[in-house]
Amino acid sequence: MKRLLHFIQKWTQRLVIFFFASTILAVVAYRWLPVQVTPLMLIRCAQQAGHGEQLRLRHHWVPLDSISKYMPVAVMASEDQRFLEHHGFDFDAIGQAVKERQAGKRQRGGSTISQQTAKNVFLWPAQSWLRKGLEVYFTALIEICWSKQRIMEVYLNSIEMGDGIYGAEAVAQWHFNCSAAELTRANCALIAATLPSPRRYSSKEPSAYMLKRQTWIMRQMKHIDLLPR
């Protein structure tokens, strides 16, 4: 029995060491390397294959300098207005989300752009306490290892922006017939308006609700500074 316990303890320690070493190395590597594929991309492709559909994976990594200066402003206005101020977690937004949930109001997320980046790059989309715990861990890691500019660059290149469309360059080409650098302020606000549910709402064929949300985001953008490059 003692030998079994010793064996389990030894392998548990090895697994823990391997987990921390591999995840830290991955985060450090992605400080410079482009993220070419994410777990969500693979999951969406598997779902398409399972339904007998043609695979749709439109993704082309571009540096932050090749993305419209309005795109970071639009997603900050829409998703995380304190992105440049917090260290990965906006506790005011989290607290407000909890209060609204307790009051039975329309639920909204309290996730920051840093948290969404950690989830998109390293984790799976399904909700669970395990995934949430890992999200906190990876968010802290990328805030320590990456600059705000790098977090935004990875976010804008990896986030789902339509059915089979990932990143600013792909959505610019497929929905606006231009490059990510050529996206206008209005284009960026419309793309940001879809992010709560990019497969339900389309920046190519926006509904009246999307146009209303675009207008709200453009008003908010007036109060958001350009991301330093």
Protein backbone atom coordinates (compact mmCIF):
# COMPACT_ATOMS: atom_id res chain seq x y z
CA MET A 1 0.00 0.00 0.00
CA LYS A 2 2.84 2.38 0.87
CA ARG A 3 4.54 1.60 -2.44
CA LEU A 4 1.32 2.39 -4.30
CA LEU A 5 0.88 5.68 -2.47
CA HIS A 6 4.49 6.58 -3.14
CA PHE A 7 4.03 5.75 -6.84
CA ILE A 8 0.89 7.91 -7.07
CA GLN A 9 2.58 10.78 -5.24
CA LYS A 10 5.63 10.62 -7.50
CA TRP A 11 3.59 10.68 -10.70
CA THR A 12 1.30 13.41 -9.37
CA GLN A 13 4.34 15.58 -8.71
CA ARG A 14 5.67 14.89 -12.19
CA LEU A 15 2.33 15.80 -13.77
CA VAL A 16 2.13 19.03 -11.79
CA ILE A 17 5.68 19.98 -12.79
CA PHE A 18 4.97 19.10 -16.42
CA PHE A 19 1.76 21.16 -16.41
CA PHE A 20 3.38 24.31 -15.06
CA ALA A 21 6.52 23.96 -17.19
CA SER A 22 4.63 23.32 -20.44
CA THR A 23 2.03 26.06 -19.92
CA ILE A 24 4.63 28.66 -18.96
CA LEU A 25 6.76 27.73 -21.97
CA ALA A 26 3.70 27.98 -24.25
CA VAL A 27 2.80 31.43 -22.94
CA VAL A 28 6.39 32.64 -23.28
CA ALA A 29 6.62 31.24 -26.84
CA TYR A 30 3.39 32.97 -27.88
CA ARG A 31 4.85 36.25 -26.75
CA TRP A 32 6.54 36.25 -30.16
CA LEU A 33 5.06 33.42 -32.26
CA PRO A 34 1.80 33.91 -34.20
CA VAL A 35 -1.15 31.82 -33.01
CA GLN A 36 -2.08 29.90 -36.15
CA VAL A 37 -4.79 27.67 -34.66
CA THR A 38 -6.86 27.64 -31.47
CA PRO A 39 -8.91 24.95 -29.70
CA LEU A 40 -12.14 26.68 -30.78
CA MET A 41 -11.10 26.54 -34.44
CA LEU A 42 -10.51 22.79 -34.14
CA ILE A 43 -13.81 22.28 -32.28
CA ARG A 44 -15.76 24.21 -34.93
CA CYS A 45 -14.12 22.14 -37.71
CA ALA A 46 -15.00 18.92 -35.87
CA GLN A 47 -18.61 20.10 -35.52
CA GLN A 48 -18.77 20.92 -39.23
CA ALA A 49 -17.34 17.52 -40.15
CA GLY A 50 -19.78 15.81 -37.77
CA HIS A 51 -22.68 17.52 -39.52
CA GLY A 52 -21.35 16.58 -42.95
CA GLU A 53 -20.65 20.21 -43.81
CA GLN A 54 -17.79 21.66 -45.79
CA LEU A 55 -14.98 22.78 -43.49
CA ARG A 56 -14.84 26.54 -42.99
CA LEU A 57 -11.67 27.95 -41.44
CA ARG A 58 -10.78 31.44 -42.62
CA HIS A 59 -7.87 32.81 -40.65
CA HIS A 60 -4.83 34.84 -41.61
CA TRP A 61 -2.49 36.21 -38.95
CA VAL A 62 -1.35 39.82 -39.39
CA PRO A 63 0.69 42.01 -37.03
CA LEU A 64 -1.06 44.70 -35.00
CA ASP A 65 0.44 47.40 -37.24
CA SER A 66 -1.49 45.86 -40.17
CA ILE A 67 -4.85 46.21 -38.40
CA SER A 68 -6.87 49.44 -38.44
CA LYS A 69 -6.09 51.66 -35.45
CA TYR A 70 -9.85 51.81 -34.81
CA MET A 71 -10.20 48.05 -34.27
CA PRO A 72 -8.61 47.97 -30.79
CA VAL A 73 -10.62 51.05 -29.82
CA ALA A 74 -13.86 49.41 -31.00
CA VAL A 75 -13.36 46.18 -29.07
CA MET A 76 -12.29 48.08 -25.95
CA ALA A 77 -15.41 50.25 -26.22
CA SER A 78 -17.60 47.18 -26.67
CA GLU A 79 -15.94 44.53 -24.50
CA ASP A 80 -13.53 46.03 -21.98
CA GLN A 81 -13.28 49.79 -21.53
CA ARG A 82 -10.72 49.50 -18.71
CA PHE A 83 -8.41 47.18 -20.69
CA LEU A 84 -5.43 49.54 -20.46
CA GLU A 85 -5.93 50.06 -16.73
CA HIS A 86 -6.55 46.64 -15.19
CA HIS A 87 -4.18 43.69 -14.80
CA GLY A 88 -6.36 41.05 -16.41
CA PHE A 89 -9.48 41.23 -14.26
CA ASP A 90 -12.04 44.03 -14.01
CA PHE A 91 -13.51 43.43 -10.58
CA ASP A 92 -15.96 46.33 -10.93
CA ALA A 93 -17.43 44.75 -14.08
CA ILE A 94 -17.53 41.32 -12.42
CA GLY A 95 -19.35 42.74 -9.41
CA GLN A 96 -21.86 44.56 -11.61
CA ALA A 97 -22.50 41.38 -13.60
CA VAL A 98 -23.16 39.45 -10.38
CA LYS A 99 -25.59 42.13 -9.15
CA GLU A 100 -27.50 42.11 -12.43
CA ARG A 101 -27.72 38.31 -12.35
CA GLN A 102 -29.05 38.36 -8.79
CA ALA A 103 -31.60 41.02 -9.75
CA GLY A 104 -32.83 38.83 -12.61
CA LYS A 105 -31.73 41.29 -15.26
CA ARG A 106 -30.28 40.40 -18.66
CA GLN A 107 -27.02 38.62 -17.94
CA ARG A 108 -23.79 39.97 -19.28
CA GLY A 109 -20.26 38.69 -18.97
CA GLY A 110 -17.58 40.25 -16.81
CA SER A 111 -14.71 38.80 -18.84
CA THR A 112 -11.96 41.16 -19.92
CA ILE A 113 -10.15 41.06 -23.25
CA SER A 114 -7.25 39.41 -21.42
CA GLN A 115 -9.54 36.66 -20.10
CA GLN A 116 -11.11 36.13 -23.51
CA THR A 117 -7.65 35.89 -25.08
CA ALA A 118 -6.55 33.30 -22.52
CA LYS A 119 -9.70 31.27 -23.18
CA ASN A 120 -9.46 31.54 -26.97
CA VAL A 121 -5.81 30.54 -27.22
CA PHE A 122 -5.38 27.92 -24.50
CA LEU A 123 -8.79 26.55 -23.49
CA TRP A 124 -12.12 25.19 -24.69
CA PRO A 125 -15.41 27.18 -24.83
CA ALA A 126 -17.67 25.02 -22.61
CA GLN A 127 -18.41 26.47 -19.17
CA SER A 128 -17.11 24.63 -16.09
CA TRP A 129 -15.37 25.45 -12.82
CA LEU A 130 -12.21 23.72 -14.09
CA ARG A 131 -12.11 25.83 -17.23
CA LYS A 132 -12.80 29.00 -15.27
CA GLY A 133 -9.95 28.20 -12.89
CA LEU A 134 -7.58 27.58 -15.79
CA GLU A 135 -8.77 30.80 -17.41
CA VAL A 136 -7.74 32.73 -14.30
CA TYR A 137 -4.35 31.00 -14.35
CA PHE A 138 -3.65 31.71 -18.03
CA THR A 139 -4.95 35.27 -17.76
CA ALA A 140 -2.48 35.98 -14.96
CA LEU A 141 0.32 34.39 -17.01
CA ILE A 142 -0.28 36.42 -20.16
CA GLU A 143 -0.62 39.64 -18.18
CA ILE A 144 2.79 38.92 -16.64
CA CYS A 145 4.51 37.77 -19.85
CA TRP A 146 2.85 39.83 -22.58
CA SER A 147 2.39 43.55 -23.15
CA LYS A 148 -1.08 45.01 -23.60
CA GLN A 149 -0.26 45.46 -27.28
CA ARG A 150 0.58 41.75 -27.62
CA ILE A 151 -2.60 40.70 -25.82
CA MET A 152 -4.62 42.87 -28.19
CA GLU A 153 -2.73 41.56 -31.21
CA VAL A 154 -3.43 37.94 -30.28
CA TYR A 155 -7.04 38.74 -29.41
CA LEU A 156 -7.75 40.47 -32.73
CA ASN A 157 -6.14 37.62 -34.66
CA SER A 158 -7.75 34.69 -32.86
CA ILE A 159 -11.27 35.73 -31.86
CA GLU A 160 -14.25 34.29 -33.75
CA MET A 161 -15.79 37.02 -35.90
CA GLY A 162 -18.27 35.03 -37.97
CA ASP A 163 -19.14 31.52 -39.11
CA GLY A 164 -15.74 29.98 -39.81
CA ILE A 165 -14.10 33.43 -39.67
CA TYR A 166 -11.36 34.17 -37.15
CA GLY A 167 -9.48 37.41 -36.76
CA ALA A 168 -9.58 40.93 -38.17
CA GLU A 169 -7.92 40.14 -41.51
CA ALA A 170 -10.33 37.32 -42.36
CA VAL A 171 -13.46 39.29 -41.45
CA ALA A 172 -12.17 42.32 -43.37
CA GLN A 173 -11.64 40.23 -46.50
CA TRP A 174 -14.88 38.21 -46.32
CA HIS A 175 -17.29 40.85 -45.04
CA PHE A 176 -15.85 44.17 -46.26
CA ASN A 177 -13.69 43.24 -49.29
CA CYS A 178 -10.64 44.98 -47.88
CA SER A 179 -7.65 44.32 -45.65
CA ALA A 180 -7.69 44.70 -41.87
CA ALA A 181 -5.61 47.87 -42.24
CA GLU A 182 -8.31 49.42 -44.44
CA LEU A 183 -11.23 48.90 -42.04
CA THR A 184 -12.99 52.17 -41.26
CA ARG A 185 -14.11 53.36 -37.87
CA ALA A 186 -17.68 52.34 -38.70
CA ASN A 187 -16.54 48.90 -39.95
CA CYS A 188 -14.66 48.27 -36.72
CA ALA A 189 -17.62 49.29 -34.58
CA LEU A 190 -19.88 46.95 -36.53
CA ILE A 191 -17.46 44.03 -36.13
CA ALA A 192 -17.19 44.72 -32.40
CA ALA A 193 -20.99 44.76 -32.19
CA THR A 194 -21.10 41.10 -33.25
CA LEU A 195 -18.61 39.78 -30.69
CA PRO A 196 -21.04 38.62 -28.01
CA SER A 197 -22.40 36.16 -30.57
CA PRO A 198 -20.50 36.33 -33.91
CA ARG A 199 -22.31 33.37 -35.48
CA ARG A 200 -25.74 34.79 -34.64
CA TYR A 201 -25.04 38.39 -35.63
CA SER A 202 -23.33 39.30 -38.91
CA SER A 203 -21.20 42.32 -39.72
CA LYS A 204 -21.81 41.59 -43.41
CA GLU A 205 -25.60 41.72 -43.21
CA PRO A 206 -26.35 43.65 -40.01
CA SER A 207 -29.82 43.76 -38.52
CA ALA A 208 -31.45 46.89 -37.13
CA TYR A 209 -30.31 45.79 -33.67
CA MET A 210 -26.70 45.51 -34.88
CA LEU A 211 -26.80 48.97 -36.44
CA LYS A 212 -28.15 50.39 -33.18
CA ARG A 213 -25.37 48.69 -31.24
CA GLN A 214 -22.82 49.94 -33.78
CA THR A 215 -23.99 53.51 -33.13
CA TRP A 216 -23.64 53.02 -29.37
CA ILE A 217 -20.11 51.61 -29.77
CA MET A 218 -19.08 54.53 -31.98
CA ARG A 219 -20.23 56.94 -29.28
CA GLN A 220 -18.22 55.02 -26.68
CA MET A 221 -15.14 55.03 -28.93
CA LYS A 222 -14.92 58.81 -28.54
CA HIS A 223 -13.91 58.26 -24.91
CA ILE A 224 -11.34 55.49 -25.57
CA ASP A 225 -7.71 56.35 -26.31
CA LEU A 226 -5.90 54.78 -29.24
CA LEU A 227 -3.83 51.77 -28.26
CA PRO A 228 -0.15 52.78 -28.12
CA ARG A 229 1.88 50.90 -30.76
